[in-house]
Amino acid sequence: MKPALSQFQKEIRHFSLVVSTNLIIGTIAIAAGILYIIAAILGLTTSLVSPEFRILAGVIAMVCFGLGVSVLHFTLGISRGIRTIKKKLDAEGPAITDDRITCLIVEMIACYRDIRRTLGTIILIGPLCGLCIFVLGIMAGLEAFTLTHGGISFTLNNRITILAQALTLAIVVSSLLASHYVTKFAIAWNQRIAEIETSECALKKTLGLEDP
């Protein structure tokens, strides 16, 4: 397989996976925020430590919902162009010509220029979204405990509580990994665009096309 094709396929495939991960995280954040708010309205969170604690949890639930909507919105915005390029790349198969690879790379450069600012936003709010899910999960998990004169006792199945916390921790780790990869992806394509712009400037200078 051609080195350029192999590298390009790898980057597009990994980026598509990251996009899918962010879509899942955004959806979970929206669902978690809505479910907690509904539970609070129905009075199902009264077992939390104090009214102040419940208010704080409600605020975090709303923030979680808002971040989830933002992650979903921005991720859908950047996924359209990437999906189009991936479909074209998959349709060509291993018999793709060098000229076609070049055309798709040029298309990717144009797509990246359009989504560059959005990627910066995703890098920031993705981990925040995962963190809010984790914190909300911890607060909701406190309902599994009951304070008594003899100490602290569980009111829910220990395994369910531990599993829920493990899932929220996995979401945080996934959001951090996704943000890390998007950062690496952005750095690589920023460098390529900078090299292209440098070459364009050199060509203009050689041809005497520079602005006076």
N, C-alpha and C. Protein backbone atom coordinates (compact mmCIF):
# COMPACT_ATOMS: atom_id res chain seq x y z
N MET A 1 0.85 -1.20 0.00
CA MET A 1 0.00 0.00 0.00
C MET A 1 0.88 1.25 0.00
N LYS A 2 0.45 2.25 -0.74
CA LYS A 2 1.21 3.50 -0.82
C LYS A 2 1.31 4.15 0.57
N PRO A 3 2.50 4.64 0.96
CA PRO A 3 2.66 5.27 2.29
C PRO A 3 1.70 6.44 2.50
N ALA A 4 1.55 7.27 1.48
CA ALA A 4 0.65 8.44 1.61
C ALA A 4 -0.78 7.99 1.82
N LEU A 5 -1.21 6.96 1.08
CA LEU A 5 -2.57 6.44 1.23
C LEU A 5 -2.78 5.83 2.60
N SER A 6 -1.79 5.04 3.05
CA SER A 6 -1.88 4.40 4.37
C SER A 6 -2.00 5.42 5.48
N GLN A 7 -1.18 6.47 5.44
CA GLN A 7 -1.22 7.52 6.46
C GLN A 7 -2.53 8.28 6.43
N PHE A 8 -2.99 8.60 5.22
CA PHE A 8 -4.23 9.36 5.07
C PHE A 8 -5.42 8.55 5.56
N GLN A 9 -5.48 7.27 5.20
CA GLN A 9 -6.56 6.39 5.65
C GLN A 9 -6.56 6.27 7.18
N LYS A 10 -5.37 6.13 7.75
CA LYS A 10 -5.25 6.01 9.21
C LYS A 10 -5.78 7.25 9.91
N GLU A 11 -5.40 8.43 9.42
CA GLU A 11 -5.83 9.68 10.05
C GLU A 11 -7.34 9.87 9.93
N ILE A 12 -7.88 9.61 8.74
CA ILE A 12 -9.33 9.77 8.54
C ILE A 12 -10.10 8.77 9.39
N ARG A 13 -9.62 7.52 9.44
CA ARG A 13 -10.29 6.49 10.22
C ARG A 13 -10.29 6.83 11.71
N HIS A 14 -9.14 7.24 12.23
CA HIS A 14 -9.04 7.58 13.65
C HIS A 14 -9.88 8.82 13.97
N PHE A 15 -9.85 9.79 13.07
CA PHE A 15 -10.63 11.00 13.33
C PHE A 15 -12.12 10.70 13.31
N SER A 16 -12.55 9.82 12.42
CA SER A 16 -13.96 9.42 12.37
C SER A 16 -14.36 8.73 13.67
N LEU A 17 -13.45 7.92 14.22
CA LEU A 17 -13.72 7.25 15.50
C LEU A 17 -13.85 8.26 16.63
N VAL A 18 -12.98 9.27 16.62
CA VAL A 18 -13.04 10.32 17.64
C VAL A 18 -14.35 11.10 17.53
N VAL A 19 -14.77 11.39 16.30
CA VAL A 19 -16.03 12.09 16.08
C VAL A 19 -17.19 11.29 16.65
N SER A 20 -17.20 9.97 16.39
CA SER A 20 -18.26 9.11 16.92
C SER A 20 -18.24 9.10 18.45
N THR A 21 -17.03 9.08 19.03
CA THR A 21 -16.90 9.10 20.49
C THR A 21 -17.49 10.37 21.07
N ASN A 22 -17.19 11.51 20.45
CA ASN A 22 -17.72 12.78 20.94
C ASN A 22 -19.23 12.85 20.80
N LEU A 23 -19.77 12.27 19.74
CA LEU A 23 -21.23 12.24 19.56
C LEU A 23 -21.88 11.44 20.68
N ILE A 24 -21.25 10.31 21.03
CA ILE A 24 -21.79 9.48 22.12
C ILE A 24 -21.71 10.22 23.45
N ILE A 25 -20.56 10.86 23.72
CA ILE A 25 -20.39 11.60 24.98
C ILE A 25 -21.40 12.74 25.07
N GLY A 26 -21.59 13.47 23.96
CA GLY A 26 -22.57 14.55 23.97
C GLY A 26 -23.97 14.05 24.23
N THR A 27 -24.33 12.92 23.62
CA THR A 27 -25.66 12.34 23.82
C THR A 27 -25.85 11.90 25.27
N ILE A 28 -24.82 11.27 25.84
CA ILE A 28 -24.90 10.83 27.24
C ILE A 28 -25.04 12.02 28.17
N ALA A 29 -24.30 13.09 27.89
CA ALA A 29 -24.37 14.29 28.74
C ALA A 29 -25.77 14.90 28.71
N ILE A 30 -26.36 14.96 27.52
CA ILE A 30 -27.73 15.49 27.41
C ILE A 30 -28.70 14.62 28.20
N ALA A 31 -28.58 13.30 28.01
CA ALA A 31 -29.48 12.37 28.70
C ALA A 31 -29.30 12.45 30.21
N ALA A 32 -28.04 12.51 30.67
CA ALA A 32 -27.77 12.57 32.12
C ALA A 32 -28.34 13.85 32.72
N GLY A 33 -28.13 14.96 32.02
CA GLY A 33 -28.66 16.23 32.52
C GLY A 33 -30.18 16.23 32.60
N ILE A 34 -30.82 15.75 31.55
CA ILE A 34 -32.29 15.72 31.52
C ILE A 34 -32.84 14.79 32.60
N LEU A 35 -32.25 13.60 32.72
CA LEU A 35 -32.73 12.63 33.71
C LEU A 35 -32.61 13.16 35.13
N TYR A 36 -31.49 13.84 35.42
CA TYR A 36 -31.32 14.36 36.78
C TYR A 36 -32.32 15.48 37.05
N ILE A 37 -32.51 16.35 36.07
CA ILE A 37 -33.46 17.45 36.24
C ILE A 37 -34.88 16.91 36.45
N ILE A 38 -35.25 15.90 35.67
CA ILE A 38 -36.58 15.28 35.83
C ILE A 38 -36.70 14.64 37.21
N ALA A 39 -35.63 13.93 37.63
CA ALA A 39 -35.64 13.31 38.96
C ALA A 39 -35.80 14.35 40.06
N ALA A 40 -35.13 15.50 39.89
CA ALA A 40 -35.23 16.57 40.88
C ALA A 40 -36.65 17.14 40.92
N ILE A 41 -37.27 17.31 39.74
CA ILE A 41 -38.63 17.84 39.69
C ILE A 41 -39.62 16.87 40.36
N LEU A 42 -39.38 15.58 40.18
CA LEU A 42 -40.27 14.57 40.77
C LEU A 42 -39.97 14.29 42.23
N GLY A 43 -38.94 14.97 42.77
CA GLY A 43 -38.60 14.80 44.19
C GLY A 43 -37.86 13.52 44.50
N LEU A 44 -37.17 12.96 43.50
CA LEU A 44 -36.46 11.70 43.71
C LEU A 44 -35.03 11.90 44.20
N THR A 45 -34.63 13.16 44.40
CA THR A 45 -33.26 13.43 44.86
C THR A 45 -33.22 13.95 46.29
N THR A 46 -34.30 13.78 47.00
CA THR A 46 -34.38 14.32 48.37
C THR A 46 -33.48 13.60 49.36
N SER A 47 -32.94 12.45 48.94
CA SER A 47 -32.07 11.71 49.86
C SER A 47 -30.64 12.24 49.87
N LEU A 48 -30.35 13.24 49.00
CA LEU A 48 -29.02 13.83 49.01
C LEU A 48 -28.75 14.53 50.33
N VAL A 49 -27.47 14.80 50.58
CA VAL A 49 -27.02 15.27 51.89
C VAL A 49 -27.77 16.49 52.39
N SER A 50 -27.94 17.53 51.57
CA SER A 50 -28.56 18.77 52.00
C SER A 50 -29.21 19.47 50.81
N PRO A 51 -30.13 20.43 51.08
CA PRO A 51 -30.75 21.18 49.97
C PRO A 51 -29.71 21.91 49.13
N GLU A 52 -28.67 22.45 49.80
CA GLU A 52 -27.62 23.16 49.06
C GLU A 52 -26.90 22.22 48.09
N PHE A 53 -26.68 21.00 48.57
CA PHE A 53 -26.02 20.00 47.74
C PHE A 53 -26.89 19.65 46.53
N ARG A 54 -28.19 19.56 46.75
CA ARG A 54 -29.12 19.26 45.65
C ARG A 54 -29.14 20.39 44.63
N ILE A 55 -29.07 21.63 45.11
CA ILE A 55 -29.04 22.78 44.19
C ILE A 55 -27.77 22.73 43.34
N LEU A 56 -26.63 22.45 44.00
CA LEU A 56 -25.37 22.35 43.27
C LEU A 56 -25.44 21.25 42.22
N ALA A 57 -26.00 20.12 42.60
CA ALA A 57 -26.14 19.01 41.64
C ALA A 57 -27.05 19.41 40.48
N GLY A 58 -28.10 20.18 40.78
CA GLY A 58 -28.99 20.63 39.72
C GLY A 58 -28.29 21.57 38.75
N VAL A 59 -27.45 22.44 39.30
CA VAL A 59 -26.69 23.36 38.44
C VAL A 59 -25.74 22.58 37.54
N ILE A 60 -25.06 21.60 38.11
CA ILE A 60 -24.13 20.79 37.32
C ILE A 60 -24.89 20.01 36.25
N ALA A 61 -26.11 19.55 36.59
CA ALA A 61 -26.92 18.83 35.61
C ALA A 61 -27.27 19.73 34.43
N MET A 62 -27.60 20.99 34.70
CA MET A 62 -27.92 21.93 33.62
C MET A 62 -26.68 22.24 32.78
N VAL A 63 -25.54 22.40 33.46
CA VAL A 63 -24.28 22.64 32.74
C VAL A 63 -23.95 21.43 31.86
N CYS A 64 -24.16 20.25 32.42
CA CYS A 64 -23.91 19.00 31.70
C CYS A 64 -24.79 18.93 30.44
N PHE A 65 -26.05 19.31 30.60
CA PHE A 65 -26.97 19.32 29.47
C PHE A 65 -26.51 20.32 28.40
N GLY A 66 -26.14 21.53 28.84
CA GLY A 66 -25.70 22.56 27.91
C GLY A 66 -24.43 22.16 27.16
N LEU A 67 -23.46 21.59 27.89
CA LEU A 67 -22.22 21.15 27.25
C LEU A 67 -22.48 20.01 26.28
N GLY A 68 -23.40 19.12 26.67
CA GLY A 68 -23.75 18.01 25.79
C GLY A 68 -24.34 18.50 24.47
N VAL A 69 -25.23 19.49 24.55
CA VAL A 69 -25.81 20.08 23.34
C VAL A 69 -24.72 20.71 22.48
N SER A 70 -23.78 21.43 23.12
CA SER A 70 -22.70 22.09 22.40
C SER A 70 -21.79 21.07 21.71
N VAL A 71 -21.41 20.03 22.45
CA VAL A 71 -20.55 18.99 21.88
C VAL A 71 -21.23 18.33 20.69
N LEU A 72 -22.51 18.03 20.85
CA LEU A 72 -23.26 17.40 19.76
C LEU A 72 -23.33 18.32 18.54
N HIS A 73 -23.61 19.60 18.79
CA HIS A 73 -23.75 20.56 17.70
C HIS A 73 -22.43 20.74 16.94
N PHE A 74 -21.35 21.00 17.68
CA PHE A 74 -20.06 21.25 17.03
C PHE A 74 -19.52 19.98 16.35
N THR A 75 -19.73 18.83 16.98
CA THR A 75 -19.23 17.58 16.40
C THR A 75 -19.97 17.24 15.11
N LEU A 76 -21.27 17.44 15.10
CA LEU A 76 -22.03 17.22 13.88
C LEU A 76 -21.56 18.16 12.77
N GLY A 77 -21.18 19.37 13.16
CA GLY A 77 -20.70 20.34 12.19
C GLY A 77 -19.41 19.91 11.51
N ILE A 78 -18.50 19.30 12.27
CA ILE A 78 -17.22 18.89 11.68
C ILE A 78 -17.29 17.50 11.05
N SER A 79 -18.32 16.74 11.37
CA SER A 79 -18.37 15.36 10.89
C SER A 79 -18.83 15.25 9.44
N ARG A 80 -19.57 16.25 8.96
CA ARG A 80 -20.15 16.14 7.60
C ARG A 80 -19.05 16.04 6.55
N GLY A 81 -18.10 16.98 6.59
CA GLY A 81 -17.03 16.96 5.59
C GLY A 81 -16.15 15.73 5.72
N ILE A 82 -15.86 15.32 6.96
CA ILE A 82 -15.01 14.15 7.19
C ILE A 82 -15.70 12.89 6.68
N ARG A 83 -17.00 12.76 6.94
CA ARG A 83 -17.74 11.59 6.46
C ARG A 83 -17.72 11.51 4.93
N THR A 84 -17.87 12.66 4.27
CA THR A 84 -17.86 12.69 2.81
C THR A 84 -16.52 12.20 2.26
N ILE A 85 -15.43 12.70 2.85
CA ILE A 85 -14.10 12.29 2.40
C ILE A 85 -13.86 10.81 2.67
N LYS A 86 -14.29 10.33 3.84
CA LYS A 86 -14.12 8.92 4.20
C LYS A 86 -14.88 8.01 3.23
N LYS A 87 -16.09 8.41 2.86
CA LYS A 87 -16.88 7.60 1.92
C LYS A 87 -16.19 7.53 0.56
N LYS A 88 -15.66 8.66 0.11
CA LYS A 88 -14.95 8.68 -1.17
C LYS A 88 -13.69 7.81 -1.11
N LEU A 89 -12.99 7.88 0.02
CA LEU A 89 -11.76 7.11 0.19
C LEU A 89 -12.07 5.62 0.22
N ASP A 90 -13.12 5.24 0.94
CA ASP A 90 -13.51 3.83 1.01
C ASP A 90 -14.00 3.31 -0.34
N ALA A 91 -14.69 4.18 -1.08
CA ALA A 91 -15.23 3.76 -2.38
C ALA A 91 -14.11 3.50 -3.39
N GLU A 92 -13.01 4.25 -3.29
CA GLU A 92 -11.90 4.08 -4.22
C GLU A 92 -11.18 2.75 -4.02
N GLY A 93 -11.05 2.34 -2.75
CA GLY A 93 -10.38 1.08 -2.46
C GLY A 93 -8.86 1.18 -2.62
N PRO A 94 -8.17 0.04 -2.53
CA PRO A 94 -6.70 0.04 -2.61
C PRO A 94 -6.16 0.39 -4.01
N ALA A 95 -7.03 0.35 -5.01
CA ALA A 95 -6.57 0.65 -6.38
C ALA A 95 -6.57 2.14 -6.69
N ILE A 96 -6.78 2.96 -5.69
CA ILE A 96 -6.83 4.41 -5.89
C ILE A 96 -5.52 4.93 -6.49
N THR A 97 -5.63 5.86 -7.40
CA THR A 97 -4.44 6.41 -8.06
C THR A 97 -3.81 7.53 -7.22
N ASP A 98 -2.56 7.85 -7.53
CA ASP A 98 -1.87 8.92 -6.81
C ASP A 98 -2.58 10.27 -7.00
N ASP A 99 -3.06 10.48 -8.21
CA ASP A 99 -3.77 11.74 -8.49
C ASP A 99 -5.04 11.85 -7.65
N ARG A 100 -5.73 10.74 -7.51
CA ARG A 100 -6.97 10.75 -6.71
C ARG A 100 -6.66 10.98 -5.23
N ILE A 101 -5.58 10.37 -4.76
CA ILE A 101 -5.15 10.59 -3.36
C ILE A 101 -4.88 12.08 -3.15
N THR A 102 -4.17 12.67 -4.11
CA THR A 102 -3.83 14.10 -4.01
C THR A 102 -5.10 14.95 -3.97
N CYS A 103 -6.07 14.60 -4.81
CA CYS A 103 -7.34 15.35 -4.84
C CYS A 103 -8.06 15.27 -3.49
N LEU A 104 -8.08 14.08 -2.89
CA LEU A 104 -8.75 13.91 -1.61
C LEU A 104 -8.00 14.64 -0.49
N ILE A 105 -6.68 14.66 -0.56
CA ILE A 105 -5.89 15.39 0.44
C ILE A 105 -6.16 16.89 0.33
N VAL A 106 -6.24 17.38 -0.92
CA VAL A 106 -6.56 18.80 -1.13
C VAL A 106 -7.95 19.10 -0.59
N GLU A 107 -8.89 18.18 -0.80
CA GLU A 107 -10.25 18.36 -0.28
C GLU A 107 -10.24 18.36 1.25
N MET A 108 -9.38 17.52 1.84
CA MET A 108 -9.26 17.47 3.29
C MET A 108 -8.67 18.78 3.82
N ILE A 109 -7.71 19.33 3.11
CA ILE A 109 -7.12 20.61 3.52
C ILE A 109 -8.18 21.71 3.54
N ALA A 110 -9.01 21.75 2.49
CA ALA A 110 -10.08 22.74 2.42
C ALA A 110 -11.08 22.53 3.55
N CYS A 111 -11.40 21.26 3.81
CA CYS A 111 -12.33 20.93 4.90
C CYS A 111 -11.73 21.35 6.25
N TYR A 112 -10.44 21.06 6.44
CA TYR A 112 -9.81 21.39 7.71
C TYR A 112 -9.79 22.90 7.95
N ARG A 113 -9.54 23.67 6.92
CA ARG A 113 -9.55 25.12 7.07
C ARG A 113 -10.91 25.62 7.54
N ASP A 114 -11.98 24.93 7.11
CA ASP A 114 -13.33 25.32 7.51
C ASP A 114 -13.63 24.97 8.96
N ILE A 115 -13.05 23.85 9.45
CA ILE A 115 -13.41 23.36 10.78
C ILE A 115 -12.34 23.65 11.83
N ARG A 116 -11.28 24.37 11.45
CA ARG A 116 -10.15 24.57 12.36
C ARG A 116 -10.58 25.21 13.68
N ARG A 117 -11.37 26.28 13.62
CA ARG A 117 -11.81 26.95 14.86
C ARG A 117 -12.73 26.05 15.68
N THR A 118 -13.59 25.31 14.98
CA THR A 118 -14.50 24.41 15.67
C THR A 118 -13.75 23.33 16.42
N LEU A 119 -12.66 22.84 15.84
CA LEU A 119 -11.85 21.82 16.51
C LEU A 119 -11.28 22.36 17.81
N GLY A 120 -10.87 23.63 17.81
CA GLY A 120 -10.37 24.24 19.03
C GLY A 120 -11.42 24.25 20.13
N THR A 121 -12.66 24.50 19.74
CA THR A 121 -13.76 24.48 20.70
C THR A 121 -14.00 23.08 21.24
N ILE A 122 -13.98 22.09 20.34
CA ILE A 122 -14.19 20.70 20.75
C ILE A 122 -13.10 20.23 21.71
N ILE A 123 -11.87 20.63 21.44
CA ILE A 123 -10.74 20.26 22.31
C ILE A 123 -10.97 20.75 23.73
N LEU A 124 -11.62 21.91 23.86
CA LEU A 124 -11.87 22.50 25.18
C LEU A 124 -13.10 21.91 25.86
N ILE A 125 -14.23 21.89 25.16
CA ILE A 125 -15.49 21.52 25.83
C ILE A 125 -15.70 20.01 25.92
N GLY A 126 -14.98 19.21 25.10
CA GLY A 126 -15.13 17.76 25.19
C GLY A 126 -14.78 17.22 26.56
N PRO A 127 -13.55 17.49 27.06
CA PRO A 127 -13.20 17.02 28.41
C PRO A 127 -14.07 17.63 29.50
N LEU A 128 -14.49 18.90 29.35
CA LEU A 128 -15.38 19.51 30.34
C LEU A 128 -16.70 18.76 30.41
N CYS A 129 -17.19 18.36 29.25
CA CYS A 129 -18.44 17.60 29.20
C CYS A 129 -18.28 16.27 29.93
N GLY A 130 -17.18 15.56 29.65
CA GLY A 130 -16.93 14.29 30.33
C GLY A 130 -16.78 14.47 31.83
N LEU A 131 -16.11 15.55 32.24
CA LEU A 131 -15.92 15.82 33.66
C LEU A 131 -17.25 16.08 34.35
N CYS A 132 -18.13 16.84 33.70
CA CYS A 132 -19.45 17.12 34.28
C CYS A 132 -20.27 15.84 34.45
N ILE A 133 -20.17 14.93 33.47
CA ILE A 133 -20.86 13.65 33.59
C ILE A 133 -20.33 12.88 34.80
N PHE A 134 -19.02 12.91 34.97
CA PHE A 134 -18.39 12.20 36.09
C PHE A 134 -18.83 12.78 37.43
N VAL A 135 -18.78 14.11 37.55
CA VAL A 135 -19.17 14.76 38.81
C VAL A 135 -20.65 14.52 39.10
N LEU A 136 -21.48 14.62 38.08
CA LEU A 136 -22.91 14.38 38.27
C LEU A 136 -23.16 12.93 38.69
N GLY A 137 -22.37 12.01 38.12
CA GLY A 137 -22.50 10.61 38.51
C GLY A 137 -22.12 10.38 39.96
N ILE A 138 -21.08 11.08 40.42
CA ILE A 138 -20.67 10.96 41.83
C ILE A 138 -21.77 11.49 42.75
N MET A 139 -22.32 12.66 42.38
CA MET A 139 -23.38 13.24 43.21
C MET A 139 -24.61 12.36 43.26
N ALA A 140 -24.98 11.82 42.10
CA ALA A 140 -26.13 10.92 42.08
C ALA A 140 -25.82 9.65 42.86
N GLY A 141 -24.55 9.21 42.81
CA GLY A 141 -24.16 8.01 43.53
C GLY A 141 -24.22 8.18 45.04
N LEU A 142 -24.16 9.42 45.52
CA LEU A 142 -24.26 9.65 46.96
C LEU A 142 -25.63 9.26 47.50
N GLU A 143 -26.61 9.13 46.60
CA GLU A 143 -27.92 8.68 47.03
C GLU A 143 -27.90 7.22 47.46
N ALA A 144 -26.81 6.53 47.10
CA ALA A 144 -26.68 5.13 47.50
C ALA A 144 -26.27 5.01 48.96
N PHE A 145 -25.95 6.14 49.59
CA PHE A 145 -25.53 6.12 50.99
C PHE A 145 -26.60 6.75 51.88
N THR A 146 -26.71 6.26 53.07
CA THR A 146 -27.61 6.84 54.06
C THR A 146 -26.85 7.06 55.35
N LEU A 147 -26.92 8.29 55.86
CA LEU A 147 -26.25 8.60 57.13
C LEU A 147 -27.13 8.12 58.28
N THR A 148 -26.55 7.34 59.18
CA THR A 148 -27.27 6.85 60.36
C THR A 148 -26.43 7.14 61.59
N HIS A 149 -27.03 6.89 62.80
CA HIS A 149 -26.28 7.12 64.03
C HIS A 149 -25.08 6.18 64.14
N GLY A 150 -25.20 5.05 63.50
CA GLY A 150 -24.11 4.07 63.59
C GLY A 150 -23.05 4.26 62.53
N GLY A 151 -23.27 5.18 61.62
CA GLY A 151 -22.29 5.41 60.55
C GLY A 151 -22.97 5.58 59.21
N ILE A 152 -22.35 5.03 58.17
CA ILE A 152 -22.86 5.15 56.80
C ILE A 152 -23.23 3.77 56.28
N SER A 153 -24.39 3.67 55.65
CA SER A 153 -24.82 2.39 55.10
C SER A 153 -25.30 2.57 53.67
N PHE A 154 -25.22 1.50 52.88
CA PHE A 154 -25.69 1.53 51.51
C PHE A 154 -27.20 1.34 51.46
N THR A 155 -27.84 2.07 50.53
CA THR A 155 -29.28 1.89 50.30
C THR A 155 -29.54 1.26 48.93
N LEU A 156 -28.47 1.14 48.12
CA LEU A 156 -28.58 0.50 46.81
C LEU A 156 -27.55 -0.61 46.71
N ASN A 157 -27.72 -1.44 45.71
CA ASN A 157 -26.78 -2.52 45.45
C ASN A 157 -25.39 -1.94 45.19
N ASN A 158 -24.41 -2.43 45.92
CA ASN A 158 -23.04 -1.93 45.77
C ASN A 158 -22.53 -2.07 44.35
N ARG A 159 -22.84 -3.18 43.71
CA ARG A 159 -22.33 -3.43 42.37
C ARG A 159 -22.87 -2.42 41.37
N ILE A 160 -24.14 -2.06 41.51
CA ILE A 160 -24.75 -1.08 40.60
C ILE A 160 -24.05 0.27 40.75
N THR A 161 -23.81 0.66 41.99
CA THR A 161 -23.16 1.95 42.25
C THR A 161 -21.74 1.97 41.69
N ILE A 162 -20.99 0.90 41.96
CA ILE A 162 -19.61 0.83 41.46
C ILE A 162 -19.59 0.82 39.95
N LEU A 163 -20.50 0.08 39.32
CA LEU A 163 -20.56 0.02 37.86
C LEU A 163 -20.85 1.39 37.26
N ALA A 164 -21.79 2.12 37.89
CA ALA A 164 -22.16 3.45 37.39
C ALA A 164 -20.97 4.40 37.47
N GLN A 165 -20.23 4.35 38.58
CA GLN A 165 -19.07 5.22 38.72
C GLN A 165 -17.96 4.83 37.74
N ALA A 166 -17.81 3.52 37.49
CA ALA A 166 -16.81 3.07 36.53
C ALA A 166 -17.15 3.56 35.12
N LEU A 167 -18.44 3.55 34.78
CA LEU A 167 -18.86 4.02 33.47
C LEU A 167 -18.60 5.52 33.30
N THR A 168 -18.90 6.30 34.34
CA THR A 168 -18.64 7.74 34.24
C THR A 168 -17.15 8.03 34.16
N LEU A 169 -16.34 7.23 34.86
CA LEU A 169 -14.89 7.40 34.79
C LEU A 169 -14.40 7.06 33.37
N ALA A 170 -14.99 6.02 32.78
CA ALA A 170 -14.61 5.64 31.41
C ALA A 170 -14.96 6.76 30.43
N ILE A 171 -16.07 7.45 30.68
CA ILE A 171 -16.46 8.56 29.82
C ILE A 171 -15.45 9.70 29.92
N VAL A 172 -14.99 10.00 31.14
CA VAL A 172 -13.98 11.05 31.33
C VAL A 172 -12.70 10.69 30.57
N VAL A 173 -12.25 9.46 30.74
CA VAL A 173 -11.01 9.02 30.07
C VAL A 173 -11.18 9.10 28.56
N SER A 174 -12.34 8.67 28.06
CA SER A 174 -12.61 8.70 26.61
C SER A 174 -12.60 10.13 26.09
N SER A 175 -13.20 11.05 26.85
CA SER A 175 -13.24 12.45 26.41
C SER A 175 -11.84 13.06 26.39
N LEU A 176 -11.00 12.69 27.37
CA LEU A 176 -9.63 13.19 27.40
C LEU A 176 -8.81 12.63 26.24
N LEU A 177 -8.98 11.34 25.95
CA LEU A 177 -8.26 10.72 24.84
C LEU A 177 -8.70 11.32 23.51
N ALA A 178 -10.01 11.55 23.37
CA ALA A 178 -10.54 12.15 22.15
C ALA A 178 -9.97 13.55 21.95
N SER A 179 -9.94 14.32 23.03
CA SER A 179 -9.40 15.68 22.95
C SER A 179 -7.91 15.65 22.60
N HIS A 180 -7.20 14.68 23.18
CA HIS A 180 -5.75 14.55 22.89
C HIS A 180 -5.53 14.24 21.42
N TYR A 181 -6.32 13.32 20.87
CA TYR A 181 -6.13 12.97 19.46
C TYR A 181 -6.50 14.13 18.55
N VAL A 182 -7.59 14.83 18.87
CA VAL A 182 -7.98 15.99 18.05
C VAL A 182 -6.87 17.03 18.06
N THR A 183 -6.22 17.20 19.21
CA THR A 183 -5.11 18.15 19.31
C THR A 183 -3.96 17.72 18.40
N LYS A 184 -3.61 16.43 18.42
CA LYS A 184 -2.54 15.92 17.55
C LYS A 184 -2.93 16.08 16.08
N PHE A 185 -4.18 15.79 15.77
CA PHE A 185 -4.68 15.92 14.40
C PHE A 185 -4.57 17.37 13.93
N ALA A 186 -4.99 18.30 14.80
CA ALA A 186 -4.94 19.72 14.46
C ALA A 186 -3.50 20.20 14.26
N ILE A 187 -2.59 19.76 15.13
CA ILE A 187 -1.19 20.17 15.01
C ILE A 187 -0.61 19.68 13.68
N ALA A 188 -0.90 18.43 13.33
CA ALA A 188 -0.37 17.86 12.09
C ALA A 188 -0.87 18.62 10.87
N TRP A 189 -2.17 18.91 10.84
CA TRP A 189 -2.72 19.59 9.67
C TRP A 189 -2.38 21.08 9.66
N ASN A 190 -2.21 21.68 10.81
CA ASN A 190 -1.73 23.07 10.85
C ASN A 190 -0.33 23.16 10.25
N GLN A 191 0.49 22.18 10.59
CA GLN A 191 1.86 22.16 10.06
C GLN A 191 1.84 21.99 8.54
N ARG A 192 0.98 21.11 8.04
CA ARG A 192 0.90 20.89 6.60
C ARG A 192 0.42 22.15 5.87
N ILE A 193 -0.58 22.79 6.44
CA ILE A 193 -1.09 24.01 5.82
C ILE A 193 -0.03 25.11 5.84
N ALA A 194 0.73 25.19 6.93
CA ALA A 194 1.81 26.18 7.01
C ALA A 194 2.87 25.91 5.94
N GLU A 195 3.19 24.64 5.72
CA GLU A 195 4.16 24.29 4.68
C GLU A 195 3.64 24.65 3.29
N ILE A 196 2.34 24.42 3.08
CA ILE A 196 1.73 24.76 1.79
C ILE A 196 1.76 26.27 1.57
N GLU A 197 1.41 27.02 2.62
CA GLU A 197 1.40 28.48 2.50
C GLU A 197 2.81 29.02 2.26
N THR A 198 3.81 28.39 2.89
CA THR A 198 5.20 28.80 2.66
C THR A 198 5.60 28.55 1.21
N SER A 199 5.18 27.39 0.69
CA SER A 199 5.48 27.06 -0.71
C SER A 199 4.78 28.02 -1.65
N GLU A 200 3.55 28.39 -1.33
CA GLU A 200 2.80 29.34 -2.16
C GLU A 200 3.51 30.70 -2.19
N CYS A 201 3.99 31.13 -1.03
CA CYS A 201 4.71 32.42 -0.95
C CYS A 201 5.99 32.38 -1.77
N ALA A 202 6.70 31.24 -1.67
CA ALA A 202 7.96 31.11 -2.42
C ALA A 202 7.68 31.12 -3.92
N LEU A 203 6.59 30.45 -4.33
CA LEU A 203 6.24 30.42 -5.75
C LEU A 203 5.85 31.81 -6.25
N LYS A 204 5.07 32.54 -5.47
CA LYS A 204 4.69 33.90 -5.85
C LYS A 204 5.91 34.79 -5.99
N LYS A 205 6.87 34.60 -5.06
CA LYS A 205 8.08 35.41 -5.09
C LYS A 205 8.90 35.10 -6.35
N THR A 206 8.97 33.80 -6.67
CA THR A 206 9.72 33.39 -7.85
C THR A 206 9.10 33.94 -9.13
N LEU A 207 7.75 33.94 -9.18
CA LEU A 207 7.04 34.40 -10.37
C LEU A 207 6.81 35.92 -10.37
N GLY A 208 7.23 36.58 -9.29
CA GLY A 208 7.05 38.02 -9.20
C GLY A 208 5.61 38.44 -9.03
N LEU A 209 4.85 37.58 -8.32
CA LEU A 209 3.42 37.84 -8.13
C LEU A 209 3.11 38.39 -6.74
N GLU A 210 4.13 38.74 -5.97
CA GLU A 210 3.91 39.26 -4.63
C GLU A 210 3.24 40.61 -4.69
N ASP A 211 2.42 40.90 -3.68
CA ASP A 211 1.77 42.21 -3.60
C ASP A 211 2.83 43.29 -3.38
N PRO A 212 2.72 44.42 -4.08
CA PRO A 212 3.70 45.51 -3.91
C PRO A 212 3.64 46.11 -2.52
